[in-house]
Full PDB file with SEQRES, HELIX, SHEET, SSBOND, CRYST1, ORIGX, SCALE, CONECT and MASTER records, all heavy atoms in Angstrom:
SEQRES   1 A   40  SER ASN LEU LEU GLY ALA ASP ARG ARG VAL CYS ASN TRP          
SEQRES   2 A   40  GLY GLY GLY ASN THR SER SER LYS THR ILE GLU LYS ASP          
SEQRES   3 A   40  PHE ARG GLY ARG ASP ILE GLU VAL MET TRP VAL LYS GLY          
SEQRES   4 A   40  SER                                                          
HELIX    1 AA1 ASN A    2  ALA A    6  1                                   5    
SHEET    1 AA1 2 SER A  19  LYS A  25  0                                        
SHEET    2 AA1 2 ASP A  31  VAL A  37 -1                                        
CRYST1    1.000    1.000    1.000  90.00  90.00  90.00 P 1           1          
ORIGX1      1.000000  0.000000  0.000000        0.00000                         
ORIGX2      0.000000  1.000000  0.000000        0.00000                         
ORIGX3      0.000000  0.000000  1.000000        0.00000                         
SCALE1      1.000000  0.000000  0.000000        0.00000                         
SCALE2      0.000000  1.000000  0.000000        0.00000                         
SCALE3      0.000000  0.000000  1.000000        0.00000                         
ATOM      1  N   SER A   1     130.593  40.541   8.479  1.00  0.00           N  
ATOM      2  CA  SER A   1     130.359  40.230   9.878  1.00  0.00           C  
ATOM      3  C   SER A   1     131.656  39.829  10.598  1.00  0.00           C  
ATOM      4  O   SER A   1     131.857  40.249  11.725  1.00  0.00           O  
ATOM      5  CB  SER A   1     129.339  39.051   9.957  1.00  0.00           C  
ATOM      6  OG  SER A   1     128.145  39.353   9.307  1.00  0.00           O  
ATOM      7  N   ASN A   2     132.477  39.017   9.989  1.00  0.00           N  
ATOM      8  CA  ASN A   2     133.733  38.634  10.600  1.00  0.00           C  
ATOM      9  C   ASN A   2     134.595  39.845  10.827  1.00  0.00           C  
ATOM     10  O   ASN A   2     135.367  39.890  11.865  1.00  0.00           O  
ATOM     11  CB  ASN A   2     134.454  37.632   9.675  1.00  0.00           C  
ATOM     12  CG  ASN A   2     133.785  36.304   9.612  1.00  0.00           C  
ATOM     13  OD1 ASN A   2     134.100  35.508   8.759  1.00  0.00           O  
ATOM     14  ND2 ASN A   2     132.793  36.038  10.432  1.00  0.00           N  
ATOM     15  N   LEU A   3     134.608  40.825   9.960  1.00  0.00           N  
ATOM     16  CA  LEU A   3     135.458  42.032  10.154  1.00  0.00           C  
ATOM     17  C   LEU A   3     134.923  42.795  11.330  1.00  0.00           C  
ATOM     18  O   LEU A   3     135.706  43.295  12.164  1.00  0.00           O  
ATOM     19  CB  LEU A   3     135.369  42.908   8.901  1.00  0.00           C  
ATOM     20  CG  LEU A   3     136.107  42.375   7.630  1.00  0.00           C  
ATOM     21  CD1 LEU A   3     136.046  43.492   6.543  1.00  0.00           C  
ATOM     22  CD2 LEU A   3     137.533  42.005   7.938  1.00  0.00           C  
ATOM     23  N   LEU A   4     133.595  42.900  11.450  1.00  0.00           N  
ATOM     24  CA  LEU A   4     133.037  43.619  12.615  1.00  0.00           C  
ATOM     25  C   LEU A   4     133.373  42.952  13.970  1.00  0.00           C  
ATOM     26  O   LEU A   4     133.742  43.603  14.946  1.00  0.00           O  
ATOM     27  CB  LEU A   4     131.495  43.758  12.492  1.00  0.00           C  
ATOM     28  CG  LEU A   4     130.977  44.638  11.394  1.00  0.00           C  
ATOM     29  CD1 LEU A   4     129.501  44.452  11.209  1.00  0.00           C  
ATOM     30  CD2 LEU A   4     131.288  46.128  11.676  1.00  0.00           C  
ATOM     31  N   GLY A   5     133.349  41.594  13.924  1.00  0.00           N  
ATOM     32  CA  GLY A   5     133.611  40.871  15.119  1.00  0.00           C  
ATOM     33  C   GLY A   5     135.068  40.778  15.485  1.00  0.00           C  
ATOM     34  O   GLY A   5     135.476  40.438  16.606  1.00  0.00           O  
ATOM     35  N   ALA A   6     135.949  41.119  14.518  1.00  0.00           N  
ATOM     36  CA  ALA A   6     137.354  40.996  14.714  1.00  0.00           C  
ATOM     37  C   ALA A   6     137.898  41.976  15.753  1.00  0.00           C  
ATOM     38  O   ALA A   6     138.926  41.730  16.389  1.00  0.00           O  
ATOM     39  CB  ALA A   6     138.133  41.192  13.385  1.00  0.00           C  
ATOM     40  N   ASP A   7     137.214  43.089  15.952  1.00  0.00           N  
ATOM     41  CA  ASP A   7     137.636  44.055  16.920  1.00  0.00           C  
ATOM     42  C   ASP A   7     136.573  44.125  18.036  1.00  0.00           C  
ATOM     43  O   ASP A   7     135.426  44.503  17.784  1.00  0.00           O  
ATOM     44  CB  ASP A   7     137.719  45.460  16.235  1.00  0.00           C  
ATOM     45  CG  ASP A   7     138.368  46.502  17.151  1.00  0.00           C  
ATOM     46  OD1 ASP A   7     138.286  46.394  18.393  1.00  0.00           O  
ATOM     47  OD2 ASP A   7     138.953  47.465  16.616  1.00  0.00           O  
ATOM     48  N   ARG A   8     136.939  43.655  19.220  1.00  0.00           N  
ATOM     49  CA  ARG A   8     135.964  43.585  20.287  1.00  0.00           C  
ATOM     50  C   ARG A   8     135.545  44.970  20.827  1.00  0.00           C  
ATOM     51  O   ARG A   8     134.591  45.044  21.568  1.00  0.00           O  
ATOM     52  CB  ARG A   8     136.543  42.726  21.400  1.00  0.00           C  
ATOM     53  CG  ARG A   8     136.649  41.222  21.033  1.00  0.00           C  
ATOM     54  CD  ARG A   8     135.391  40.656  20.495  1.00  0.00           C  
ATOM     55  NE  ARG A   8     135.505  39.222  20.203  1.00  0.00           N  
ATOM     56  CZ  ARG A   8     134.601  38.522  19.596  1.00  0.00           C  
ATOM     57  NH1 ARG A   8     133.512  39.132  19.072  1.00  0.00           N  
ATOM     58  NH2 ARG A   8     134.731  37.236  19.372  1.00  0.00           N  
ATOM     59  N   ARG A   9     136.251  45.969  20.361  1.00  0.00           N  
ATOM     60  CA  ARG A   9     135.717  47.321  20.736  1.00  0.00           C  
ATOM     61  C   ARG A   9     134.474  47.672  19.906  1.00  0.00           C  
ATOM     62  O   ARG A   9     133.674  48.529  20.268  1.00  0.00           O  
ATOM     63  CB  ARG A   9     136.761  48.380  20.450  1.00  0.00           C  
ATOM     64  CG  ARG A   9     138.054  48.294  21.285  1.00  0.00           C  
ATOM     65  CD  ARG A   9     139.072  49.307  20.861  1.00  0.00           C  
ATOM     66  NE  ARG A   9     139.537  48.995  19.500  1.00  0.00           N  
ATOM     67  CZ  ARG A   9     140.206  49.885  18.753  1.00  0.00           C  
ATOM     68  NH1 ARG A   9     140.618  51.007  19.261  1.00  0.00           N  
ATOM     69  NH2 ARG A   9     140.581  49.559  17.527  1.00  0.00           N  
ATOM     70  N   VAL A  10     134.304  46.890  18.849  1.00  0.00           N  
ATOM     71  CA  VAL A  10     133.102  47.114  17.952  1.00  0.00           C  
ATOM     72  C   VAL A  10     131.945  46.222  18.347  1.00  0.00           C  
ATOM     73  O   VAL A  10     130.830  46.574  18.352  1.00  0.00           O  
ATOM     74  CB  VAL A  10     133.519  46.876  16.514  1.00  0.00           C  
ATOM     75  CG1 VAL A  10     132.278  46.937  15.541  1.00  0.00           C  
ATOM     76  CG2 VAL A  10     134.548  47.893  16.103  1.00  0.00           C  
ATOM     77  N   CYS A  11     132.314  44.973  18.658  1.00  0.00           N  
ATOM     78  CA  CYS A  11     131.277  43.945  18.858  1.00  0.00           C  
ATOM     79  C   CYS A  11     131.733  42.945  19.893  1.00  0.00           C  
ATOM     80  O   CYS A  11     132.746  42.320  19.777  1.00  0.00           O  
ATOM     81  CB  CYS A  11     130.981  43.250  17.542  1.00  0.00           C  
ATOM     82  SG  CYS A  11     129.400  42.373  17.589  1.00  0.00           S  
ATOM     83  N   ASN A  12     130.934  42.804  20.970  1.00  0.00           N  
ATOM     84  CA  ASN A  12     131.207  41.815  21.950  1.00  0.00           C  
ATOM     85  C   ASN A  12     131.153  40.403  21.469  1.00  0.00           C  
ATOM     86  O   ASN A  12     130.419  40.134  20.423  1.00  0.00           O  
ATOM     87  CB  ASN A  12     130.165  41.939  23.100  1.00  0.00           C  
ATOM     88  CG  ASN A  12     130.111  43.287  23.732  1.00  0.00           C  
ATOM     89  OD1 ASN A  12     131.122  43.944  23.899  1.00  0.00           O  
ATOM     90  ND2 ASN A  12     128.915  43.769  24.003  1.00  0.00           N  
ATOM     91  N   TRP A  13     131.782  39.487  22.165  1.00  0.00           N  
ATOM     92  CA  TRP A  13     131.613  38.090  21.833  1.00  0.00           C  
ATOM     93  C   TRP A  13     130.127  37.673  21.887  1.00  0.00           C  
ATOM     94  O   TRP A  13     129.444  37.923  22.898  1.00  0.00           O  
ATOM     95  CB  TRP A  13     132.414  37.236  22.766  1.00  0.00           C  
ATOM     96  CG  TRP A  13     132.398  35.741  22.353  1.00  0.00           C  
ATOM     97  CD1 TRP A  13     133.277  35.132  21.584  1.00  0.00           C  
ATOM     98  CD2 TRP A  13     131.391  34.794  22.657  1.00  0.00           C  
ATOM     99  NE1 TRP A  13     132.931  33.811  21.393  1.00  0.00           N  
ATOM    100  CE2 TRP A  13     131.740  33.540  22.054  1.00  0.00           C  
ATOM    101  CE3 TRP A  13     130.203  34.829  23.399  1.00  0.00           C  
ATOM    102  CZ2 TRP A  13     131.001  32.413  22.134  1.00  0.00           C  
ATOM    103  CZ3 TRP A  13     129.418  33.657  23.466  1.00  0.00           C  
ATOM    104  CH2 TRP A  13     129.798  32.477  22.836  1.00  0.00           C  
ATOM    105  N   GLY A  14     129.645  37.137  20.814  1.00  0.00           N  
ATOM    106  CA  GLY A  14     128.253  36.611  20.829  1.00  0.00           C  
ATOM    107  C   GLY A  14     127.231  37.699  20.581  1.00  0.00           C  
ATOM    108  O   GLY A  14     126.027  37.402  20.328  1.00  0.00           O  
ATOM    109  N   GLY A  15     127.622  38.968  20.650  1.00  0.00           N  
ATOM    110  CA  GLY A  15     126.685  40.055  20.553  1.00  0.00           C  
ATOM    111  C   GLY A  15     126.625  40.658  19.169  1.00  0.00           C  
ATOM    112  O   GLY A  15     127.417  40.389  18.272  1.00  0.00           O  
ATOM    113  N   GLY A  16     125.612  41.564  18.966  1.00  0.00           N  
ATOM    114  CA  GLY A  16     125.456  42.201  17.682  1.00  0.00           C  
ATOM    115  C   GLY A  16     124.879  41.276  16.628  1.00  0.00           C  
ATOM    116  O   GLY A  16     124.804  40.041  16.828  1.00  0.00           O  
ATOM    117  N   ASN A  17     124.415  41.852  15.578  1.00  0.00           N  
ATOM    118  CA  ASN A  17     123.845  41.047  14.448  1.00  0.00           C  
ATOM    119  C   ASN A  17     123.866  41.806  13.190  1.00  0.00           C  
ATOM    120  O   ASN A  17     123.950  43.086  13.199  1.00  0.00           O  
ATOM    121  CB  ASN A  17     122.435  40.536  14.769  1.00  0.00           C  
ATOM    122  CG  ASN A  17     121.666  41.501  15.674  1.00  0.00           C  
ATOM    123  OD1 ASN A  17     121.175  42.525  15.193  1.00  0.00           O  
ATOM    124  ND2 ASN A  17     121.548  41.159  16.936  1.00  0.00           N  
ATOM    125  N   THR A  18     123.922  41.146  12.091  1.00  0.00           N  
ATOM    126  CA  THR A  18     124.070  41.773  10.787  1.00  0.00           C  
ATOM    127  C   THR A  18     123.025  41.150   9.846  1.00  0.00           C  
ATOM    128  O   THR A  18     122.561  40.037  10.066  1.00  0.00           O  
ATOM    129  CB  THR A  18     125.451  41.536  10.220  1.00  0.00           C  
ATOM    130  OG1 THR A  18     125.733  40.144  10.250  1.00  0.00           O  
ATOM    131  CG2 THR A  18     126.539  42.266  10.958  1.00  0.00           C  
ATOM    132  N   SER A  19     122.695  41.808   8.764  1.00  0.00           N  
ATOM    133  CA  SER A  19     121.760  41.279   7.795  1.00  0.00           C  
ATOM    134  C   SER A  19     122.041  41.841   6.397  1.00  0.00           C  
ATOM    135  O   SER A  19     122.631  42.905   6.195  1.00  0.00           O  
ATOM    136  CB  SER A  19     120.326  41.657   8.228  1.00  0.00           C  
ATOM    137  OG  SER A  19     120.126  43.030   8.054  1.00  0.00           O  
ATOM    138  N   SER A  20     121.541  41.113   5.436  1.00  0.00           N  
ATOM    139  CA  SER A  20     121.581  41.533   4.020  1.00  0.00           C  
ATOM    140  C   SER A  20     120.278  41.035   3.379  1.00  0.00           C  
ATOM    141  O   SER A  20     119.875  39.895   3.566  1.00  0.00           O  
ATOM    142  CB  SER A  20     122.789  40.946   3.263  1.00  0.00           C  
ATOM    143  OG  SER A  20     123.958  41.586   3.669  1.00  0.00           O  
ATOM    144  N   LYS A  21     119.697  41.840   2.519  1.00  0.00           N  
ATOM    145  CA  LYS A  21     118.509  41.511   1.742  1.00  0.00           C  
ATOM    146  C   LYS A  21     118.950  41.221   0.314  1.00  0.00           C  
ATOM    147  O   LYS A  21     119.536  42.030  -0.363  1.00  0.00           O  
ATOM    148  CB  LYS A  21     117.502  42.578   1.794  1.00  0.00           C  
ATOM    149  CG  LYS A  21     117.038  42.910   3.247  1.00  0.00           C  
ATOM    150  CD  LYS A  21     116.002  44.060   3.239  1.00  0.00           C  
ATOM    151  CE  LYS A  21     115.519  44.336   4.665  1.00  0.00           C  
ATOM    152  NZ  LYS A  21     116.546  45.174   5.451  1.00  0.00           N  
ATOM    153  N   THR A  22     118.646  39.993  -0.159  1.00  0.00           N  
ATOM    154  CA  THR A  22     119.055  39.553  -1.490  1.00  0.00           C  
ATOM    155  C   THR A  22     117.854  38.965  -2.196  1.00  0.00           C  
ATOM    156  O   THR A  22     116.825  38.705  -1.684  1.00  0.00           O  
ATOM    157  CB  THR A  22     120.151  38.469  -1.375  1.00  0.00           C  
ATOM    158  OG1 THR A  22     119.637  37.307  -0.746  1.00  0.00           O  
ATOM    159  CG2 THR A  22     121.326  39.010  -0.578  1.00  0.00           C  
ATOM    160  N   ILE A  23     118.064  38.671  -3.496  1.00  0.00           N  
ATOM    161  CA  ILE A  23     117.065  37.949  -4.278  1.00  0.00           C  
ATOM    162  C   ILE A  23     117.544  36.478  -4.455  1.00  0.00           C  
ATOM    163  O   ILE A  23     118.671  36.276  -4.882  1.00  0.00           O  
ATOM    164  CB  ILE A  23     116.823  38.610  -5.653  1.00  0.00           C  
ATOM    165  CG1 ILE A  23     116.368  40.064  -5.466  1.00  0.00           C  
ATOM    166  CG2 ILE A  23     115.826  37.808  -6.455  1.00  0.00           C  
ATOM    167  CD1 ILE A  23     115.105  40.229  -4.752  1.00  0.00           C  
ATOM    168  N   GLU A  24     116.699  35.555  -4.087  1.00  0.00           N  
ATOM    169  CA  GLU A  24     117.045  34.158  -4.178  1.00  0.00           C  
ATOM    170  C   GLU A  24     115.927  33.401  -4.936  1.00  0.00           C  
ATOM    171  O   GLU A  24     114.821  33.928  -5.088  1.00  0.00           O  
ATOM    172  CB  GLU A  24     117.158  33.581  -2.764  1.00  0.00           C  
ATOM    173  CG  GLU A  24     118.100  34.272  -1.837  1.00  0.00           C  
ATOM    174  CD  GLU A  24     119.546  34.086  -2.185  1.00  0.00           C  
ATOM    175  OE1 GLU A  24     119.913  33.188  -2.962  1.00  0.00           O  
ATOM    176  OE2 GLU A  24     120.376  34.861  -1.660  1.00  0.00           O  
ATOM    177  N   LYS A  25     116.230  32.203  -5.368  1.00  0.00           N  
ATOM    178  CA  LYS A  25     115.265  31.375  -6.020  1.00  0.00           C  
ATOM    179  C   LYS A  25     114.605  30.463  -4.917  1.00  0.00           C  
ATOM    180  O   LYS A  25     115.303  29.905  -4.117  1.00  0.00           O  
ATOM    181  CB  LYS A  25     115.917  30.438  -7.023  1.00  0.00           C  
ATOM    182  CG  LYS A  25     116.534  31.165  -8.219  1.00  0.00           C  
ATOM    183  CD  LYS A  25     115.503  31.642  -9.213  1.00  0.00           C  
ATOM    184  CE  LYS A  25     116.197  32.224 -10.433  1.00  0.00           C  
ATOM    185  NZ  LYS A  25     115.215  32.833 -11.409  1.00  0.00           N  
ATOM    186  N   ASP A  26     113.289  30.421  -4.948  1.00  0.00           N  
ATOM    187  CA  ASP A  26     112.609  29.579  -4.011  1.00  0.00           C  
ATOM    188  C   ASP A  26     112.550  28.137  -4.512  1.00  0.00           C  
ATOM    189  O   ASP A  26     113.068  27.848  -5.618  1.00  0.00           O  
ATOM    190  CB  ASP A  26     111.248  30.054  -3.638  1.00  0.00           C  
ATOM    191  CG  ASP A  26     110.200  29.966  -4.686  1.00  0.00           C  
ATOM    192  OD1 ASP A  26     110.520  29.457  -5.797  1.00  0.00           O  
ATOM    193  OD2 ASP A  26     109.021  30.380  -4.495  1.00  0.00           O  
ATOM    194  N   PHE A  27     111.886  27.250  -3.819  1.00  0.00           N  
ATOM    195  CA  PHE A  27     111.853  25.833  -4.216  1.00  0.00           C  
ATOM    196  C   PHE A  27     111.110  25.665  -5.573  1.00  0.00           C  
ATOM    197  O   PHE A  27     111.291  24.559  -6.167  1.00  0.00           O  
ATOM    198  CB  PHE A  27     111.238  25.008  -3.130  1.00  0.00           C  
ATOM    199  CG  PHE A  27     109.750  25.164  -2.941  1.00  0.00           C  
ATOM    200  CD1 PHE A  27     108.862  24.272  -3.481  1.00  0.00           C  
ATOM    201  CD2 PHE A  27     109.293  26.303  -2.282  1.00  0.00           C  
ATOM    202  CE1 PHE A  27     107.492  24.456  -3.309  1.00  0.00           C  
ATOM    203  CE2 PHE A  27     107.919  26.460  -2.114  1.00  0.00           C  
ATOM    204  CZ  PHE A  27     106.993  25.532  -2.623  1.00  0.00           C  
ATOM    205  N   ARG A  28     110.388  26.654  -6.004  1.00  0.00           N  
ATOM    206  CA  ARG A  28     109.655  26.553  -7.290  1.00  0.00           C  
ATOM    207  C   ARG A  28     110.386  27.340  -8.403  1.00  0.00           C  
ATOM    208  O   ARG A  28     109.872  27.448  -9.456  1.00  0.00           O  
ATOM    209  CB  ARG A  28     108.199  27.099  -7.107  1.00  0.00           C  
ATOM    210  CG  ARG A  28     107.351  26.227  -6.231  1.00  0.00           C  
ATOM    211  CD  ARG A  28     106.039  26.830  -5.955  1.00  0.00           C  
ATOM    212  NE  ARG A  28     105.261  27.111  -7.175  1.00  0.00           N  
ATOM    213  CZ  ARG A  28     104.085  27.775  -7.195  1.00  0.00           C  
ATOM    214  NH1 ARG A  28     103.558  28.196  -6.055  1.00  0.00           N  
ATOM    215  NH2 ARG A  28     103.451  27.986  -8.314  1.00  0.00           N  
ATOM    216  N   GLY A  29     111.551  27.844  -8.094  1.00  0.00           N  
ATOM    217  CA  GLY A  29     112.332  28.575  -9.076  1.00  0.00           C  
ATOM    218  C   GLY A  29     111.920  30.039  -9.223  1.00  0.00           C  
ATOM    219  O   GLY A  29     112.394  30.720 -10.140  1.00  0.00           O  
ATOM    220  N   ARG A  30     111.119  30.547  -8.348  1.00  0.00           N  
ATOM    221  CA  ARG A  30     110.699  31.940  -8.400  1.00  0.00           C  
ATOM    222  C   ARG A  30     111.698  32.827  -7.674  1.00  0.00           C  
ATOM    223  O   ARG A  30     112.239  32.471  -6.640  1.00  0.00           O  
ATOM    224  CB  ARG A  30     109.313  32.111  -7.803  1.00  0.00           C  
ATOM    225  CG  ARG A  30     108.180  31.331  -8.451  1.00  0.00           C  
ATOM    226  CD  ARG A  30     106.892  31.372  -7.649  1.00  0.00           C  
ATOM    227  NE  ARG A  30     107.074  30.865  -6.283  1.00  0.00           N  
ATOM    228  CZ  ARG A  30     106.070  30.761  -5.432  1.00  0.00           C  
ATOM    229  NH1 ARG A  30     104.821  31.182  -5.738  1.00  0.00           N  
ATOM    230  NH2 ARG A  30     106.288  30.298  -4.230  1.00  0.00           N  
ATOM    231  N   ASP A  31     111.832  34.099  -8.191  1.00  0.00           N  
ATOM    232  CA  ASP A  31     112.644  35.065  -7.494  1.00  0.00           C  
ATOM    233  C   ASP A  31     111.899  35.608  -6.315  1.00  0.00           C  
ATOM    234  O   ASP A  31     110.727  36.094  -6.420  1.00  0.00           O  
ATOM    235  CB  ASP A  31     112.994  36.227  -8.423  1.00  0.00           C  
ATOM    236  CG  ASP A  31     114.069  35.804  -9.412  1.00  0.00           C  
ATOM    237  OD1 ASP A  31     114.742  34.866  -9.219  1.00  0.00           O  
ATOM    238  OD2 ASP A  31     114.142  36.548 -10.461  1.00  0.00           O  
ATOM    239  N   ILE A  32     112.521  35.530  -5.134  1.00  0.00           N  
ATOM    240  CA  ILE A  32     111.891  36.083  -3.881  1.00  0.00           C  
ATOM    241  C   ILE A  32     112.942  36.909  -3.148  1.00  0.00           C  
ATOM    242  O   ILE A  32     114.148  36.637  -3.235  1.00  0.00           O  
ATOM    243  CB  ILE A  32     111.347  34.973  -2.984  1.00  0.00           C  
ATOM    244  CG1 ILE A  32     112.463  34.007  -2.515  1.00  0.00           C  
ATOM    245  CG2 ILE A  32     110.192  34.230  -3.664  1.00  0.00           C  
ATOM    246  CD1 ILE A  32     111.996  33.081  -1.431  1.00  0.00           C  
ATOM    247  N   GLU A  33     112.484  37.881  -2.398  1.00  0.00           N  
ATOM    248  CA  GLU A  33     113.354  38.694  -1.586  1.00  0.00           C  
ATOM    249  C   GLU A  33     113.597  37.923  -0.248  1.00  0.00           C  
ATOM    250  O   GLU A  33     112.634  37.624   0.485  1.00  0.00           O  
ATOM    251  CB  GLU A  33     112.831  40.065  -1.330  1.00  0.00           C  
ATOM    252  CG  GLU A  33     113.857  40.978  -0.617  1.00  0.00           C  
ATOM    253  CD  GLU A  33     113.332  42.383  -0.390  1.00  0.00           C  
ATOM    254  OE1 GLU A  33     112.127  42.613  -0.578  1.00  0.00           O  
ATOM    255  OE2 GLU A  33     114.100  43.234   0.072  1.00  0.00           O  
ATOM    256  N   VAL A  34     114.866  37.736   0.026  1.00  0.00           N  
ATOM    257  CA  VAL A  34     115.211  37.033   1.262  1.00  0.00           C  
ATOM    258  C   VAL A  34     116.136  37.873   2.144  1.00  0.00           C  
ATOM    259  O   VAL A  34     117.067  38.533   1.581  1.00  0.00           O  
ATOM    260  CB  VAL A  34     115.944  35.671   0.939  1.00  0.00           C  
ATOM    261  CG1 VAL A  34     116.495  35.028   2.193  1.00  0.00           C  
ATOM    262  CG2 VAL A  34     114.967  34.710   0.261  1.00  0.00           C  
ATOM    263  N   MET A  35     115.901  37.954   3.417  1.00  0.00           N  
ATOM    264  CA  MET A  35     116.832  38.593   4.331  1.00  0.00           C  
ATOM    265  C   MET A  35     117.627  37.558   5.067  1.00  0.00           C  
ATOM    266  O   MET A  35     117.080  36.665   5.695  1.00  0.00           O  
ATOM    267  CB  MET A  35     116.083  39.473   5.359  1.00  0.00           C  
ATOM    268  CG  MET A  35     117.045  40.226   6.307  1.00  0.00           C  
ATOM    269  SD  MET A  35     116.206  41.312   7.480  1.00  0.00           S  
ATOM    270  CE  MET A  35     115.452  40.114   8.586  1.00  0.00           C  
ATOM    271  N   TRP A  36     118.933  37.697   4.939  1.00  0.00           N  
ATOM    272  CA  TRP A  36     119.866  36.820   5.699  1.00  0.00           C  
ATOM    273  C   TRP A  36     120.225  37.540   6.962  1.00  0.00           C  
ATOM    274  O   TRP A  36     120.708  38.684   6.916  1.00  0.00           O  
ATOM    275  CB  TRP A  36     121.128  36.536   4.820  1.00  0.00           C  
ATOM    276  CG  TRP A  36     120.788  35.724   3.636  1.00  0.00           C  
ATOM    277  CD1 TRP A  36     120.630  36.187   2.365  1.00  0.00           C  
ATOM    278  CD2 TRP A  36     120.667  34.276   3.516  1.00  0.00           C  
ATOM    279  NE1 TRP A  36     120.389  35.165   1.436  1.00  0.00           N  
ATOM    280  CE2 TRP A  36     120.406  33.999   2.158  1.00  0.00           C  
ATOM    281  CE3 TRP A  36     120.696  33.249   4.430  1.00  0.00           C  
ATOM    282  CZ2 TRP A  36     120.160  32.673   1.694  1.00  0.00           C  
ATOM    283  CZ3 TRP A  36     120.474  31.955   4.002  1.00  0.00           C  
ATOM    284  CH2 TRP A  36     120.214  31.704   2.640  1.00  0.00           C  
ATOM    285  N   VAL A  37     120.002  36.911   8.115  1.00  0.00           N  
ATOM    286  CA  VAL A  37     120.275  37.550   9.376  1.00  0.00           C  
ATOM    287  C   VAL A  37     121.019  36.551  10.271  1.00  0.00           C  
ATOM    288  O   VAL A  37     120.836  35.318  10.146  1.00  0.00           O  
ATOM    289  CB  VAL A  37     118.998  38.036  10.045  1.00  0.00           C  
ATOM    290  CG1 VAL A  37     118.083  36.850  10.393  1.00  0.00           C  
ATOM    291  CG2 VAL A  37     119.253  38.990  11.218  1.00  0.00           C  
ATOM    292  N   LYS A  38     121.848  37.098  11.124  1.00  0.00           N  
ATOM    293  CA  LYS A  38     122.560  36.230  12.109  1.00  0.00           C  
ATOM    294  C   LYS A  38     121.639  35.306  12.841  1.00  0.00           C  
ATOM    295  O   LYS A  38     120.653  35.773  13.370  1.00  0.00           O  
ATOM    296  CB  LYS A  38     123.345  37.125  13.060  1.00  0.00           C  
ATOM    297  CG  LYS A  38     124.050  36.362  14.144  1.00  0.00           C  
ATOM    298  CD  LYS A  38     124.562  37.352  15.241  1.00  0.00           C  
ATOM    299  CE  LYS A  38     125.101  36.572  16.439  1.00  0.00           C  
ATOM    300  NZ  LYS A  38     125.444  37.468  17.552  1.00  0.00           N  
ATOM    301  N   GLY A  39     122.070  34.049  12.983  1.00  0.00           N  
ATOM    302  CA  GLY A  39     121.322  33.101  13.736  1.00  0.00           C  
ATOM    303  C   GLY A  39     121.639  33.263  15.232  1.00  0.00           C  
ATOM    304  O   GLY A  39     122.721  33.726  15.620  1.00  0.00           O  
ATOM    305  N   SER A  40     120.717  32.863  16.077  1.00  0.00           N  
ATOM    306  CA  SER A  40     120.911  32.958  17.522  1.00  0.00           C  
ATOM    307  C   SER A  40     122.002  32.141  17.988  1.00  0.00           C  
ATOM    308  O   SER A  40     122.200  30.983  17.530  1.00  0.00           O  
ATOM    309  CB  SER A  40     119.601  32.571  18.201  1.00  0.00           C  
ATOM    310  OG  SER A  40     119.674  32.773  19.615  1.00  0.00           O  
TER     311      SER A  40                                                      
MASTER        0    0    0    1    2    0    0    6  310    1    0    4          
END                                                                             
């Protein structure tokens, strides 16, 4: 995300968003699919 934002020809200040889907442990220790996405 930082690389994309480093060039303002690619991404305006405050604009755009990125995401990744990963496997994380939930509060019970189970594997769950989580999407990490830019916060507002």
